[in-house]
Protein backbone atom coordinates (compact mmCIF):
# COMPACT_ATOMS: atom_id res chain seq x y z
CA MET A 1 129.07 -166.30 -128.42
CA ALA A 2 131.54 -164.31 -126.33
CA ARG A 3 135.11 -165.28 -125.55
CA ASP A 4 135.88 -166.27 -121.96
CA GLN A 5 137.26 -163.19 -120.17
CA HIS A 6 139.96 -165.20 -118.38
CA SER A 7 141.45 -166.93 -121.43
CA PRO A 8 144.30 -165.15 -123.25
CA ALA A 9 143.78 -163.83 -126.75
CA SER A 10 145.10 -166.05 -129.50
CA ALA A 11 148.55 -164.99 -130.74
CA HIS A 12 147.80 -166.26 -134.22
CA PRO A 13 144.56 -165.57 -135.99
CA GLY A 14 142.89 -168.36 -137.91
CA PRO A 15 144.37 -169.63 -141.16
CA PRO A 16 144.22 -167.20 -144.06
CA SER A 17 141.46 -167.69 -146.54
CA THR A 18 142.32 -169.74 -149.58
CA PRO A 19 142.97 -167.76 -152.76
CA GLU A 20 140.17 -167.59 -155.24
CA PRO A 21 140.56 -169.88 -158.25
CA ALA A 22 141.54 -168.34 -161.55
CA PRO A 23 138.65 -167.19 -163.70
CA ALA A 24 137.47 -169.72 -166.23
CA GLY A 25 139.08 -169.01 -169.54
CA LYS A 26 142.13 -169.93 -171.53
CA PRO A 27 144.86 -171.63 -169.53
CA ALA A 28 148.28 -169.99 -169.36
CA LEU A 29 150.59 -170.76 -172.28
CA LEU A 30 153.62 -171.15 -170.01
CA SER A 31 153.92 -171.75 -166.30
CA GLN A 32 155.67 -169.13 -164.20
CA ARG A 33 158.59 -171.49 -163.66
CA THR A 34 159.07 -172.05 -167.39
CA ALA A 35 158.78 -168.34 -168.16
CA LEU A 36 161.36 -167.49 -165.49
CA ILE A 37 163.81 -170.12 -166.72
CA LEU A 38 163.50 -169.02 -170.35
CA PHE A 39 163.77 -165.31 -169.46
CA ILE A 40 166.96 -165.80 -167.45
CA ALA A 41 168.42 -168.06 -170.15
CA VAL A 42 167.71 -165.53 -172.92
CA VAL A 43 169.19 -162.65 -170.91
CA SER A 44 172.27 -164.73 -170.13
CA GLY A 45 172.66 -165.77 -173.77
CA ILE A 46 172.44 -162.16 -174.95
CA GLY A 47 174.98 -161.11 -172.34
CA VAL A 48 177.44 -163.82 -173.32
CA GLY A 49 176.92 -163.05 -177.00
CA VAL A 50 177.59 -159.34 -176.54
CA LEU A 51 180.69 -159.96 -174.45
CA THR A 52 181.97 -162.50 -176.99
CA PHE A 53 181.43 -160.05 -179.82
CA PHE A 54 183.37 -157.34 -177.98
CA ALA A 55 186.23 -159.79 -177.39
CA GLU A 56 186.36 -161.49 -180.79
CA LYS A 57 184.71 -158.98 -183.19
CA SER A 58 183.02 -161.89 -184.95
CA TYR A 59 179.25 -162.21 -185.33
CA PRO A 60 179.20 -165.98 -185.90
CA LYS A 61 181.28 -166.65 -182.78
CA ALA A 62 179.12 -164.30 -180.73
CA VAL A 63 175.87 -165.91 -181.89
CA LEU A 64 177.22 -169.41 -181.32
CA ALA A 65 178.47 -168.52 -177.83
CA GLY A 66 175.13 -166.90 -176.96
CA VAL A 67 173.08 -169.86 -178.15
CA ILE A 68 175.28 -172.34 -176.30
CA ALA A 69 175.13 -170.22 -173.14
CA ALA A 70 171.34 -169.93 -173.34
CA GLY A 71 170.97 -173.68 -173.83
CA GLY A 72 173.30 -174.51 -170.97
CA CYS A 73 171.62 -171.97 -168.74
CA THR A 74 168.22 -173.46 -169.55
CA VAL A 75 169.33 -176.97 -168.61
CA GLY A 76 171.10 -175.77 -165.47
CA LEU A 77 168.16 -173.70 -164.24
CA HIS A 78 165.75 -176.52 -165.01
CA ASN A 79 167.72 -178.76 -162.67
CA LEU A 80 168.28 -176.01 -160.09
CA ILE A 81 164.80 -174.52 -159.77
CA ASP A 82 162.54 -177.16 -158.38
């Protein structure tokens, strides 16, 4: 079936094909959202811990600051990333 010669060509092609479903197997342990939130929280906690150690020269204070920062970052990102 040929296109009518007088009608303009479509500016947008048809909708893209739907992605193929994931292969049958084990489901992912974590969703991408959860993995992203935890990764950013851990990196932030390590950063805060290192900076606290450089400022205070105390391992317990640095660990406590890092853990609190990671926890707060996790809660904040959970509410932010929707």
